[in-house]
Amino acid sequence: MFQTELAGAYRDSPKGQPPVPPVQLALALILQAYTGVSDDEVIEACVMDRRWQLVLDCLDTDRSPFSKGTLVGFRTRMIAAGWDQGVRTCHHKPQHRESQPRRHPLPRAKLLENRE
């Protein structure tokens, strides 16, 4: 459902660069919050770190799948639309069938802070 909401906020346009999948940008923000890197380091990791490339579905790329401006703009739109709540909560598989999934929220400040 969250992925559908993200996709609905972006429309194809004949102008500019091809659209970046919003879920890819959301995953980049989650990785950024987890690792504590800057916006510039996110762009570098997309090119230099195969672990990031695997998660972001851009293996063996020689350039980042999005620019720093796109990442910052996406973060700003997420905050304005209140979508940060959807990204902040991670669901884990239950240990036993009877137990419910646990939720582990990422701190809002870490996920959405501007890291320039």
PDB file of N, CA and C in Angstrom:
ATOM      1  N   MET A   1       0.818  -1.181   0.000  1.00  0.00           N
ATOM      2  CA  MET A   1       0.000   0.000   0.000  1.00  0.00           C
ATOM      3  C   MET A   1       0.870   1.255   0.000  1.00  0.00           C
ATOM      4  N   PHE A   2       1.903   1.278   0.827  1.00  0.00           N
ATOM      5  CA  PHE A   2       2.786   2.434   0.879  1.00  0.00           C
ATOM      6  C   PHE A   2       3.455   2.668  -0.471  1.00  0.00           C
ATOM      7  N   GLN A   3       3.874   1.583  -1.121  1.00  0.00           N
ATOM      8  CA  GLN A   3       4.522   1.710  -2.425  1.00  0.00           C
ATOM      9  C   GLN A   3       3.557   2.291  -3.452  1.00  0.00           C
ATOM     10  N   THR A   4       2.283   1.934  -3.383  1.00  0.00           N
ATOM     11  CA  THR A   4       1.271   2.477  -4.290  1.00  0.00           C
ATOM     12  C   THR A   4       1.096   3.975  -4.057  1.00  0.00           C
ATOM     13  N   GLU A   5       1.076   4.384  -2.792  1.00  0.00           N
ATOM     14  CA  GLU A   5       0.968   5.806  -2.471  1.00  0.00           C
ATOM     15  C   GLU A   5       2.166   6.577  -3.013  1.00  0.00           C
ATOM     16  N   LEU A   6       3.358   6.008  -2.856  1.00  0.00           N
ATOM     17  CA  LEU A   6       4.550   6.667  -3.378  1.00  0.00           C
ATOM     18  C   LEU A   6       4.477   6.830  -4.894  1.00  0.00           C
ATOM     19  N   ALA A   7       4.122   5.769  -5.577  1.00  0.00           N
ATOM     20  CA  ALA A   7       4.051   5.801  -7.034  1.00  0.00           C
ATOM     21  C   ALA A   7       3.004   6.792  -7.511  1.00  0.00           C
ATOM     22  N   GLY A   8       1.897   6.906  -6.785  1.00  0.00           N
ATOM     23  CA  GLY A   8       0.835   7.824  -7.169  1.00  0.00           C
ATOM     24  C   GLY A   8       1.221   9.284  -7.053  1.00  0.00           C
ATOM     25  N   ALA A   9       2.207   9.580  -6.243  1.00  0.00           N
ATOM     26  CA  ALA A   9       2.632  10.964  -6.051  1.00  0.00           C
ATOM     27  C   ALA A   9       3.538  11.454  -7.179  1.00  0.00           C
ATOM     28  N   TYR A  10       4.032  10.552  -7.960  1.00  0.00           N
ATOM     29  CA  TYR A  10       4.924  10.901  -9.058  1.00  0.00           C
ATOM     30  C   TYR A  10       4.284  10.489 -10.373  1.00  0.00           C
ATOM     31  N   ARG A  11       4.303  11.397 -11.317  1.00  0.00           N
ATOM     32  CA  ARG A  11       3.743  11.068 -12.620  1.00  0.00           C
ATOM     33  C   ARG A  11       4.839  11.167 -13.671  1.00  0.00           C
ATOM     34  N   ASP A  12       4.667  10.406 -14.737  1.00  0.00           N
ATOM     35  CA  ASP A  12       5.621  10.477 -15.832  1.00  0.00           C
ATOM     36  C   ASP A  12       5.494  11.828 -16.527  1.00  0.00           C
ATOM     37  N   SER A  13       6.616  12.353 -16.959  1.00  0.00           N
ATOM     38  CA  SER A  13       6.631  13.635 -17.647  1.00  0.00           C
ATOM     39  C   SER A  13       7.587  13.536 -18.826  1.00  0.00           C
ATOM     40  N   PRO A  14       7.221  14.129 -19.949  1.00  0.00           N
ATOM     41  CA  PRO A  14       8.129  14.074 -21.092  1.00  0.00           C
ATOM     42  C   PRO A  14       9.364  14.956 -20.902  1.00  0.00           C
ATOM     43  N   LYS A  15       9.357  15.810 -19.888  1.00  0.00           N
ATOM     44  CA  LYS A  15      10.485  16.702 -19.633  1.00  0.00           C
ATOM     45  C   LYS A  15      11.453  16.073 -18.633  1.00  0.00           C
ATOM     46  N   GLY A  16      12.707  16.469 -18.705  1.00  0.00           N
ATOM     47  CA  GLY A  16      13.685  16.078 -17.712  1.00  0.00           C
ATOM     48  C   GLY A  16      14.174  14.652 -17.832  1.00  0.00           C
ATOM     49  N   GLN A  17      14.727  14.168 -16.722  1.00  0.00           N
ATOM     50  CA  GLN A  17      15.295  12.829 -16.652  1.00  0.00           C
ATOM     51  C   GLN A  17      14.194  11.782 -16.497  1.00  0.00           C
ATOM     52  N   PRO A  18      14.501  10.530 -16.841  1.00  0.00           N
ATOM     53  CA  PRO A  18      13.523   9.461 -16.581  1.00  0.00           C
ATOM     54  C   PRO A  18      13.233   9.395 -15.075  1.00  0.00           C
ATOM     55  N   PRO A  19      12.018   9.033 -14.704  1.00  0.00           N
ATOM     56  CA  PRO A  19      11.669   9.014 -13.276  1.00  0.00           C
ATOM     57  C   PRO A  19      12.439   7.937 -12.514  1.00  0.00           C
ATOM     58  N   VAL A  20      12.743   8.254 -11.272  1.00  0.00           N
ATOM     59  CA  VAL A  20      13.394   7.305 -10.362  1.00  0.00           C
ATOM     60  C   VAL A  20      12.286   6.644  -9.552  1.00  0.00           C
ATOM     61  N   PRO A  21      12.290   5.319  -9.450  1.00  0.00           N
ATOM     62  CA  PRO A  21      11.244   4.664  -8.648  1.00  0.00           C
ATOM     63  C   PRO A  21      11.248   5.202  -7.208  1.00  0.00           C
ATOM     64  N   PRO A  22      10.114   5.689  -6.730  1.00  0.00           N
ATOM     65  CA  PRO A  22      10.059   6.235  -5.367  1.00  0.00           C
ATOM     66  C   PRO A  22      10.496   5.235  -4.302  1.00  0.00           C
ATOM     67  N   VAL A  23      10.211   3.956  -4.521  1.00  0.00           N
ATOM     68  CA  VAL A  23      10.618   2.954  -3.524  1.00  0.00           C
ATOM     69  C   VAL A  23      12.147   2.870  -3.440  1.00  0.00           C
ATOM     70  N   GLN A  24      12.838   3.107  -4.539  1.00  0.00           N
ATOM     71  CA  GLN A  24      14.300   3.100  -4.526  1.00  0.00           C
ATOM     72  C   GLN A  24      14.826   4.258  -3.672  1.00  0.00           C
ATOM     73  N   LEU A  25      14.196   5.413  -3.789  1.00  0.00           N
ATOM     74  CA  LEU A  25      14.589   6.564  -2.973  1.00  0.00           C
ATOM     75  C   LEU A  25      14.266   6.325  -1.496  1.00  0.00           C
ATOM     76  N   ALA A  26      13.121   5.717  -1.220  1.00  0.00           N
ATOM     77  CA  ALA A  26      12.755   5.402   0.170  1.00  0.00           C
ATOM     78  C   ALA A  26      13.764   4.430   0.783  1.00  0.00           C
ATOM     79  N   LEU A  27      14.164   3.420   0.020  1.00  0.00           N
ATOM     80  CA  LEU A  27      15.173   2.473   0.510  1.00  0.00           C
ATOM     81  C   LEU A  27      16.514   3.170   0.763  1.00  0.00           C
ATOM     82  N   ALA A  28      16.872   4.109  -0.109  1.00  0.00           N
ATOM     83  CA  ALA A  28      18.119   4.846   0.081  1.00  0.00           C
ATOM     84  C   ALA A  28      18.071   5.653   1.382  1.00  0.00           C
ATOM     85  N   LEU A  29      16.913   6.252   1.688  1.00  0.00           N
ATOM     86  CA  LEU A  29      16.782   7.001   2.945  1.00  0.00           C
ATOM     87  C   LEU A  29      16.886   6.079   4.157  1.00  0.00           C
ATOM     88  N   ILE A  30      16.323   4.896   4.044  1.00  0.00           N
ATOM     89  CA  ILE A  30      16.423   3.932   5.153  1.00  0.00           C
ATOM     90  C   ILE A  30      17.881   3.516   5.356  1.00  0.00           C
ATOM     91  N   LEU A  31      18.585   3.215   4.261  1.00  0.00           N
ATOM     92  CA  LEU A  31      20.008   2.864   4.362  1.00  0.00           C
ATOM     93  C   LEU A  31      20.816   4.027   4.927  1.00  0.00           C
ATOM     94  N   GLN A  32      20.495   5.230   4.508  1.00  0.00           N
ATOM     95  CA  GLN A  32      21.192   6.410   4.998  1.00  0.00           C
ATOM     96  C   GLN A  32      21.009   6.559   6.510  1.00  0.00           C
ATOM     97  N   ALA A  33      19.786   6.406   6.976  1.00  0.00           N
ATOM     98  CA  ALA A  33      19.511   6.522   8.406  1.00  0.00           C
ATOM     99  C   ALA A  33      20.228   5.419   9.180  1.00  0.00           C
ATOM    100  N   TYR A  34      20.224   4.228   8.635  1.00  0.00           N
ATOM    101  CA  TYR A  34      20.851   3.088   9.310  1.00  0.00           C
ATOM    102  C   TYR A  34      22.367   3.255   9.418  1.00  0.00           C
ATOM    103  N   THR A  35      22.981   3.743   8.340  1.00  0.00           N
ATOM    104  CA  THR A  35      24.440   3.849   8.312  1.00  0.00           C
ATOM    105  C   THR A  35      24.952   5.199   8.801  1.00  0.00           C
ATOM    106  N   GLY A  36      24.086   6.205   8.863  1.00  0.00           N
ATOM    107  CA  GLY A  36      24.491   7.524   9.345  1.00  0.00           C
ATOM    108  C   GLY A  36      25.361   8.306   8.386  1.00  0.00           C
ATOM    109  N   VAL A  37      25.206   8.091   7.086  1.00  0.00           N
ATOM    110  CA  VAL A  37      26.033   8.784   6.098  1.00  0.00           C
ATOM    111  C   VAL A  37      25.348  10.053   5.604  1.00  0.00           C
ATOM    112  N   SER A  38      26.128  10.913   4.968  1.00  0.00           N
ATOM    113  CA  SER A  38      25.621  12.167   4.417  1.00  0.00           C
ATOM    114  C   SER A  38      24.922  11.919   3.075  1.00  0.00           C
ATOM    115  N   ASP A  39      24.260  12.943   2.565  1.00  0.00           N
ATOM    116  CA  ASP A  39      23.629  12.841   1.247  1.00  0.00           C
ATOM    117  C   ASP A  39      24.666  12.543   0.169  1.00  0.00           C
ATOM    118  N   ASP A  40      25.812  13.212   0.239  1.00  0.00           N
ATOM    119  CA  ASP A  40      26.877  12.961  -0.742  1.00  0.00           C
ATOM    120  C   ASP A  40      27.378  11.522  -0.660  1.00  0.00           C
ATOM    121  N   GLU A  41      27.476  11.001   0.559  1.00  0.00           N
ATOM    122  CA  GLU A  41      27.943   9.620   0.731  1.00  0.00           C
ATOM    123  C   GLU A  41      26.918   8.605   0.230  1.00  0.00           C
ATOM    124  N   VAL A  42      25.636   8.946   0.252  1.00  0.00           N
ATOM    125  CA  VAL A  42      24.612   8.068  -0.328  1.00  0.00           C
ATOM    126  C   VAL A  42      24.879   7.910  -1.821  1.00  0.00           C
ATOM    127  N   ILE A  43      25.116   9.027  -2.488  1.00  0.00           N
ATOM    128  CA  ILE A  43      25.372   8.996  -3.936  1.00  0.00           C
ATOM    129  C   ILE A  43      26.638   8.181  -4.230  1.00  0.00           C
ATOM    130  N   GLU A  44      27.669   8.373  -3.430  1.00  0.00           N
ATOM    131  CA  GLU A  44      28.905   7.612  -3.605  1.00  0.00           C
ATOM    132  C   GLU A  44      28.682   6.117  -3.362  1.00  0.00           C
ATOM    133  N   ALA A  45      27.923   5.787  -2.318  1.00  0.00           N
ATOM    134  CA  ALA A  45      27.677   4.374  -1.996  1.00  0.00           C
ATOM    135  C   ALA A  45      26.900   3.675  -3.111  1.00  0.00           C
ATOM    136  N   CYS A  46      26.044   4.411  -3.787  1.00  0.00           N
ATOM    137  CA  CYS A  46      25.281   3.814  -4.899  1.00  0.00           C
ATOM    138  C   CYS A  46      26.199   3.336  -6.022  1.00  0.00           C
ATOM    139  N   VAL A  47      27.354   3.962  -6.140  1.00  0.00           N
ATOM    140  CA  VAL A  47      28.302   3.600  -7.193  1.00  0.00           C
ATOM    141  C   VAL A  47      29.395   2.661  -6.685  1.00  0.00           C
ATOM    142  N   MET A  48      29.829   2.860  -5.448  1.00  0.00           N
ATOM    143  CA  MET A  48      31.012   2.156  -4.952  1.00  0.00           C
ATOM    144  C   MET A  48      30.722   0.944  -4.070  1.00  0.00           C
ATOM    145  N   ASP A  49      29.557   0.853  -3.477  1.00  0.00           N
ATOM    146  CA  ASP A  49      29.280  -0.194  -2.491  1.00  0.00           C
ATOM    147  C   ASP A  49      28.277  -1.202  -3.050  1.00  0.00           C
ATOM    148  N   ARG A  50      28.751  -2.413  -3.288  1.00  0.00           N
ATOM    149  CA  ARG A  50      27.880  -3.441  -3.887  1.00  0.00           C
ATOM    150  C   ARG A  50      26.708  -3.804  -2.974  1.00  0.00           C
ATOM    151  N   ARG A  51      26.870  -3.643  -1.667  1.00  0.00           N
ATOM    152  CA  ARG A  51      25.753  -3.922  -0.754  1.00  0.00           C
ATOM    153  C   ARG A  51      24.609  -2.941  -1.008  1.00  0.00           C
ATOM    154  N   TRP A  52      24.938  -1.672  -1.153  1.00  0.00           N
ATOM    155  CA  TRP A  52      23.914  -0.670  -1.464  1.00  0.00           C
ATOM    156  C   TRP A  52      23.310  -0.950  -2.842  1.00  0.00           C
ATOM    157  N   GLN A  53      24.170  -1.287  -3.797  1.00  0.00           N
ATOM    158  CA  GLN A  53      23.685  -1.570  -5.148  1.00  0.00           C
ATOM    159  C   GLN A  53      22.703  -2.738  -5.142  1.00  0.00           C
ATOM    160  N   LEU A  54      22.979  -3.744  -4.348  1.00  0.00           N
ATOM    161  CA  LEU A  54      22.092  -4.901  -4.274  1.00  0.00           C
ATOM    162  C   LEU A  54      20.723  -4.494  -3.730  1.00  0.00           C
ATOM    163  N   VAL A  55      20.715  -3.754  -2.647  1.00  0.00           N
ATOM    164  CA  VAL A  55      19.453  -3.320  -2.041  1.00  0.00           C
ATOM    165  C   VAL A  55      18.685  -2.381  -2.969  1.00  0.00           C
ATOM    166  N   LEU A  56      19.402  -1.496  -3.644  1.00  0.00           N
ATOM    167  CA  LEU A  56      18.752  -0.491  -4.498  1.00  0.00           C
ATOM    168  C   LEU A  56      18.546  -0.965  -5.932  1.00  0.00           C
ATOM    169  N   ASP A  57      18.866  -2.230  -6.206  1.00  0.00           N
ATOM    170  CA  ASP A  57      18.664  -2.833  -7.526  1.00  0.00           C
ATOM    171  C   ASP A  57      19.383  -2.060  -8.637  1.00  0.00           C
ATOM    172  N   CYS A  58      20.655  -1.788  -8.393  1.00  0.00           N
ATOM    173  CA  CYS A  58      21.459  -1.103  -9.412  1.00  0.00           C
ATOM    174  C   CYS A  58      22.872  -1.685  -9.451  1.00  0.00           C
ATOM    175  N   LEU A  59      22.955  -3.022  -9.420  1.00  0.00           N
ATOM    176  CA  LEU A  59      24.257  -3.693  -9.419  1.00  0.00           C
ATOM    177  C   LEU A  59      25.100  -3.296 -10.621  1.00  0.00           C
ATOM    178  N   ASP A  60      26.396  -3.150 -10.362  1.00  0.00           N
ATOM    179  CA  ASP A  60      27.400  -2.874 -11.393  1.00  0.00           C
ATOM    180  C   ASP A  60      27.141  -1.604 -12.185  1.00  0.00           C
ATOM    181  N   THR A  61      26.543  -0.631 -11.533  1.00  0.00           N
ATOM    182  CA  THR A  61      26.318   0.641 -12.203  1.00  0.00           C
ATOM    183  C   THR A  61      27.576   1.499 -12.127  1.00  0.00           C
ATOM    184  N   ASP A  62      27.777   2.360 -13.112  1.00  0.00           N
ATOM    185  CA  ASP A  62      28.927   3.251 -13.083  1.00  0.00           C
ATOM    186  C   ASP A  62      28.523   4.680 -12.730  1.00  0.00           C
ATOM    187  N   ARG A  63      27.222   4.891 -12.513  1.00  0.00           N
ATOM    188  CA  ARG A  63      26.734   6.186 -12.029  1.00  0.00           C
ATOM    189  C   ARG A  63      25.520   5.959 -11.148  1.00  0.00           C
ATOM    190  N   SER A  64      25.317   6.886 -10.246  1.00  0.00           N
ATOM    191  CA  SER A  64      24.228   6.757  -9.284  1.00  0.00           C
ATOM    192  C   SER A  64      22.877   6.755 -10.001  1.00  0.00           C
ATOM    193  N   PRO A  65      21.911   5.969  -9.516  1.00  0.00           N
ATOM    194  CA  PRO A  65      20.601   5.937 -10.161  1.00  0.00           C
ATOM    195  C   PRO A  65      19.786   7.211  -9.922  1.00  0.00           C
ATOM    196  N   PHE A  66      20.268   8.091  -9.044  1.00  0.00           N
ATOM    197  CA  PHE A  66      19.594   9.362  -8.787  1.00  0.00           C
ATOM    198  C   PHE A  66      20.627  10.366  -8.293  1.00  0.00           C
ATOM    199  N   SER A  67      20.278  11.637  -8.382  1.00  0.00           N
ATOM    200  CA  SER A  67      21.183  12.699  -7.956  1.00  0.00           C
ATOM    201  C   SER A  67      20.920  13.075  -6.497  1.00  0.00           C
ATOM    202  N   LYS A  68      21.841  13.843  -5.940  1.00  0.00           N
ATOM    203  CA  LYS A  68      21.660  14.341  -4.583  1.00  0.00           C
ATOM    204  C   LYS A  68      20.405  15.215  -4.511  1.00  0.00           C
ATOM    205  N   GLY A  69      20.179  16.021  -5.515  1.00  0.00           N
ATOM    206  CA  GLY A  69      18.993  16.880  -5.550  1.00  0.00           C
ATOM    207  C   GLY A  69      17.701  16.080  -5.534  1.00  0.00           C
ATOM    208  N   THR A  70      17.698  14.960  -6.249  1.00  0.00           N
ATOM    209  CA  THR A  70      16.518  14.093  -6.269  1.00  0.00           C
ATOM    210  C   THR A  70      16.284  13.498  -4.884  1.00  0.00           C
ATOM    211  N   LEU A  71      17.346  13.058  -4.223  1.00  0.00           N
ATOM    212  CA  LEU A  71      17.237  12.487  -2.885  1.00  0.00           C
ATOM    213  C   LEU A  71      16.707  13.524  -1.892  1.00  0.00           C
ATOM    214  N   VAL A  72      17.271  14.718  -1.917  1.00  0.00           N
ATOM    215  CA  VAL A  72      16.845  15.791  -1.010  1.00  0.00           C
ATOM    216  C   VAL A  72      15.395  16.183  -1.301  1.00  0.00           C
ATOM    217  N   GLY A  73      15.050  16.301  -2.576  1.00  0.00           N
ATOM    218  CA  GLY A  73      13.678  16.643  -2.947  1.00  0.00           C
ATOM    219  C   GLY A  73      12.682  15.585  -2.500  1.00  0.00           C
ATOM    220  N   PHE A  74      13.059  14.326  -2.627  1.00  0.00           N
ATOM    221  CA  PHE A  74      12.188  13.243  -2.196  1.00  0.00           C
ATOM    222  C   PHE A  74      11.979  13.295  -0.693  1.00  0.00           C
ATOM    223  N   ARG A  75      13.057  13.507   0.060  1.00  0.00           N
ATOM    224  CA  ARG A  75      12.943  13.613   1.522  1.00  0.00           C
ATOM    225  C   ARG A  75      12.000  14.752   1.899  1.00  0.00           C
ATOM    226  N   THR A  76      12.131  15.877   1.225  1.00  0.00           N
ATOM    227  CA  THR A  76      11.271  17.033   1.499  1.00  0.00           C
ATOM    228  C   THR A  76       9.810  16.704   1.220  1.00  0.00           C
ATOM    229  N   ARG A  77       9.550  16.013   0.109  1.00  0.00           N
ATOM    230  CA  ARG A  77       8.172  15.620  -0.220  1.00  0.00           C
ATOM    231  C   ARG A  77       7.616  14.620   0.783  1.00  0.00           C
ATOM    232  N   MET A  78       8.456  13.715   1.243  1.00  0.00           N
ATOM    233  CA  MET A  78       7.994  12.744   2.241  1.00  0.00           C
ATOM    234  C   MET A  78       7.564  13.441   3.527  1.00  0.00           C
ATOM    235  N   ILE A  79       8.356  14.392   3.967  1.00  0.00           N
ATOM    236  CA  ILE A  79       8.031  15.118   5.189  1.00  0.00           C
ATOM    237  C   ILE A  79       6.733  15.900   5.004  1.00  0.00           C
ATOM    238  N   ALA A  80       6.621  16.611   3.877  1.00  0.00           N
ATOM    239  CA  ALA A  80       5.436  17.425   3.619  1.00  0.00           C
ATOM    240  C   ALA A  80       4.163  16.585   3.540  1.00  0.00           C
ATOM    241  N   ALA A  81       4.263  15.380   2.991  1.00  0.00           N
ATOM    242  CA  ALA A  81       3.085  14.513   2.827  1.00  0.00           C
ATOM    243  C   ALA A  81       2.832  13.630   4.050  1.00  0.00           C
ATOM    244  N   GLY A  82       3.743  13.644   5.021  1.00  0.00           N
ATOM    245  CA  GLY A  82       3.581  12.807   6.204  1.00  0.00           C
ATOM    246  C   GLY A  82       3.874  11.339   5.959  1.00  0.00           C
ATOM    247  N   TRP A  83       4.593  11.025   4.887  1.00  0.00           N
ATOM    248  CA  TRP A  83       4.889   9.635   4.539  1.00  0.00           C
ATOM    249  C   TRP A  83       6.008   9.056   5.372  1.00  0.00           C
ATOM    250  N   ASP A  84       6.694   9.890   6.118  1.00  0.00           N
ATOM    251  CA  ASP A  84       7.820   9.382   6.900  1.00  0.00           C
ATOM    252  C   ASP A  84       7.369   8.289   7.867  1.00  0.00           C
ATOM    253  N   GLN A  85       6.119   8.333   8.303  1.00  0.00           N
ATOM    254  CA  GLN A  85       5.618   7.295   9.200  1.00  0.00           C
ATOM    255  C   GLN A  85       5.602   5.927   8.511  1.00  0.00           C
ATOM    256  N   GLY A  86       5.300   5.889   7.222  1.00  0.00           N
ATOM    257  CA  GLY A  86       5.282   4.624   6.483  1.00  0.00           C
ATOM    258  C   GLY A  86       6.654   4.020   6.321  1.00  0.00           C
ATOM    259  N   VAL A  87       7.663   4.852   6.167  1.00  0.00           N
ATOM    260  CA  VAL A  87       9.025   4.366   5.977  1.00  0.00           C
ATOM    261  C   VAL A  87       9.670   4.033   7.317  1.00  0.00           C
ATOM    262  N   ARG A  88       9.289   4.743   8.377  1.00  0.00           N
ATOM    263  CA  ARG A  88       9.948   4.588   9.668  1.00  0.00           C
ATOM    264  C   ARG A  88       9.656   3.261  10.342  1.00  0.00           C
ATOM    265  N   THR A  89       8.581   2.601   9.991  1.00  0.00           N
ATOM    266  CA  THR A  89       8.208   1.379  10.673  1.00  0.00           C
ATOM    267  C   THR A  89       8.598   0.170   9.826  1.00  0.00           C
ATOM    268  N   CYS A  90       9.393  -0.705  10.400  1.00  0.00           N
ATOM    269  CA  CYS A  90       9.817  -1.923   9.712  1.00  0.00           C
ATOM    270  C   CYS A  90       9.057  -3.093  10.310  1.00  0.00           C
ATOM    271  N   HIS A  91       8.530  -3.953   9.471  1.00  0.00           N
ATOM    272  CA  HIS A  91       7.814  -5.133   9.947  1.00  0.00           C
ATOM    273  C   HIS A  91       8.732  -6.342   9.848  1.00  0.00           C
ATOM    274  N   HIS A  92       8.724  -7.149  10.890  1.00  0.00           N
ATOM    275  CA  HIS A  92       9.534  -8.365  10.915  1.00  0.00           C
ATOM    276  C   HIS A  92       8.619  -9.570  10.999  1.00  0.00           C
ATOM    277  N   LYS A  93       9.059 -10.689  10.427  1.00  0.00           N
ATOM    278  CA  LYS A  93       8.276 -11.922  10.514  1.00  0.00           C
ATOM    279  C   LYS A  93       8.189 -12.367  11.969  1.00  0.00           C
ATOM    280  N   PRO A  94       7.045 -12.878  12.366  1.00  0.00           N
ATOM    281  CA  PRO A  94       6.925 -13.346  13.751  1.00  0.00           C
ATOM    282  C   PRO A  94       7.784 -14.590  13.981  1.00  0.00           C
ATOM    283  N   GLN A  95       8.253 -14.733  15.212  1.00  0.00           N
ATOM    284  CA  GLN A  95       9.036 -15.895  15.595  1.00  0.00           C
ATOM    285  C   GLN A  95       8.165 -17.151  15.621  1.00  0.00           C
ATOM    286  N   HIS A  96       6.938 -17.015  16.108  1.00  0.00           N
ATOM    287  CA  HIS A  96       5.984 -18.105  16.196  1.00  0.00           C
ATOM    288  C   HIS A  96       4.696 -17.667  15.500  1.00  0.00           C
ATOM    289  N   ARG A  97       3.923 -18.609  15.081  1.00  0.00           N
ATOM    290  CA  ARG A  97       2.681 -18.291  14.389  1.00  0.00           C
ATOM    291  C   ARG A  97       1.736 -17.451  15.238  1.00  0.00           C
ATOM    292  N   GLU A  98       1.730 -17.676  16.539  1.00  0.00           N
ATOM    293  CA  GLU A  98       0.802 -16.970  17.414  1.00  0.00           C
ATOM    294  C   GLU A  98       1.204 -15.520  17.628  1.00  0.00           C
ATOM    295  N   SER A  99       2.485 -15.231  17.530  1.00  0.00           N
ATOM    296  CA  SER A  99       2.941 -13.873  17.840  1.00  0.00           C
ATOM    297  C   SER A  99       2.707 -12.933  16.658  1.00  0.00           C
ATOM    298  N   GLN A 100       2.562 -11.669  16.974  1.00  0.00           N
ATOM    299  CA  GLN A 100       2.338 -10.633  15.969  1.00  0.00           C
ATOM    300  C   GLN A 100       3.681 -10.049  15.529  1.00  0.00           C
ATOM    301  N   PRO A 101       3.740  -9.484  14.306  1.00  0.00           N
ATOM    302  CA  PRO A 101       4.983  -8.846  13.878  1.00  0.00           C
ATOM    303  C   PRO A 101       5.352  -7.703  14.824  1.00  0.00           C
ATOM    304  N   ARG A 102       6.635  -7.603  15.097  1.00  0.00           N
ATOM    305  CA  ARG A 102       7.110  -6.505  15.936  1.00  0.00           C
ATOM    306  C   ARG A 102       7.418  -5.318  15.053  1.00  0.00           C
ATOM    307  N   ARG A 103       7.266  -4.136  15.597  1.00  0.00           N
ATOM    308  CA  ARG A 103       7.570  -2.926  14.851  1.00  0.00           C
ATOM    309  C   ARG A 103       8.763  -2.252  15.507  1.00  0.00           C
ATOM    310  N   HIS A 104       9.720  -1.876  14.690  1.00  0.00           N
ATOM    311  CA  HIS A 104      10.917  -1.201  15.179  1.00  0.00           C
ATOM    312  C   HIS A 104      11.034   0.118  14.431  1.00  0.00           C
ATOM    313  N   PRO A 105      10.548   1.198  15.025  1.00  0.00           N
ATOM    314  CA  PRO A 105      10.600   2.475  14.303  1.00  0.00           C
ATOM    315  C   PRO A 105      12.010   3.042  14.259  1.00  0.00           C
ATOM    316  N   LEU A 106      12.351   3.607  13.125  1.00  0.00           N
ATOM    317  CA  LEU A 106      13.594   4.355  13.017  1.00  0.00           C
ATOM    318  C   LEU A 106      13.314   5.744  13.575  1.00  0.00           C
ATOM    319  N   PRO A 107      14.238   6.333  14.277  1.00  0.00           N
ATOM    320  CA  PRO A 107      14.003   7.678  14.800  1.00  0.00           C
ATOM    321  C   PRO A 107      13.751   8.657  13.665  1.00  0.00           C
ATOM    322  N   ARG A 108      12.699   9.472  13.790  1.00  0.00           N
ATOM    323  CA  ARG A 108      12.341  10.437  12.753  1.00  0.00           C
ATOM    324  C   ARG A 108      13.521  11.346  12.421  1.00  0.00           C
ATOM    325  N   ALA A 109      14.203  11.804  13.425  1.00  0.00           N
ATOM    326  CA  ALA A 109      15.311  12.720  13.190  1.00  0.00           C
ATOM    327  C   ALA A 109      16.400  12.074  12.342  1.00  0.00           C
ATOM    328  N   LYS A 110      16.708  10.816  12.581  1.00  0.00           N
ATOM    329  CA  LYS A 110      17.748  10.139  11.805  1.00  0.00           C
ATOM    330  C   LYS A 110      17.318   9.904  10.375  1.00  0.00           C
ATOM    331  N   LEU A 111      16.054   9.538  10.170  1.00  0.00           N
ATOM    332  CA  LEU A 111      15.581   9.190   8.835  1.00  0.00           C
ATOM    333  C   LEU A 111      15.447  10.413   7.944  1.00  0.00           C
ATOM    334  N   LEU A 112      14.981  11.505   8.500  1.00  0.00           N
ATOM    335  CA  LEU A 112      14.609  12.636   7.662  1.00  0.00           C
ATOM    336  C   LEU A 112      15.477  13.856   7.826  1.00  0.00           C
ATOM    337  N   GLU A 113      16.571  13.754   8.550  1.00  0.00           N
ATOM    338  CA  GLU A 113      17.408  14.930   8.700  1.00  0.00           C
ATOM    339  C   GLU A 113      18.150  15.197   7.403  1.00  0.00           C
ATOM    340  N   ASN A 114      18.373  16.465   7.140  1.00  0.00           N
ATOM    341  CA  ASN A 114      19.099  16.876   5.944  1.00  0.00           C
ATOM    342  C   ASN A 114      20.582  16.699   6.238  1.00  0.00           C
ATOM    343  N   ARG A 115      21.268  15.930   5.433  1.00  0.00           N
ATOM    344  CA  ARG A 115      22.664  15.577   5.719  1.00  0.00           C
ATOM    345  C   ARG A 115      23.618  16.171   4.702  1.00  0.00           C
ATOM    346  N   GLU A 116      23.567  17.437   4.547  1.00  0.00           N
ATOM    347  CA  GLU A 116      24.459  18.082   3.583  1.00  0.00           C
ATOM    348  C   GLU A 116      25.764  18.482   4.207  1.00  0.00           C
TER     349      GLU A 116
END
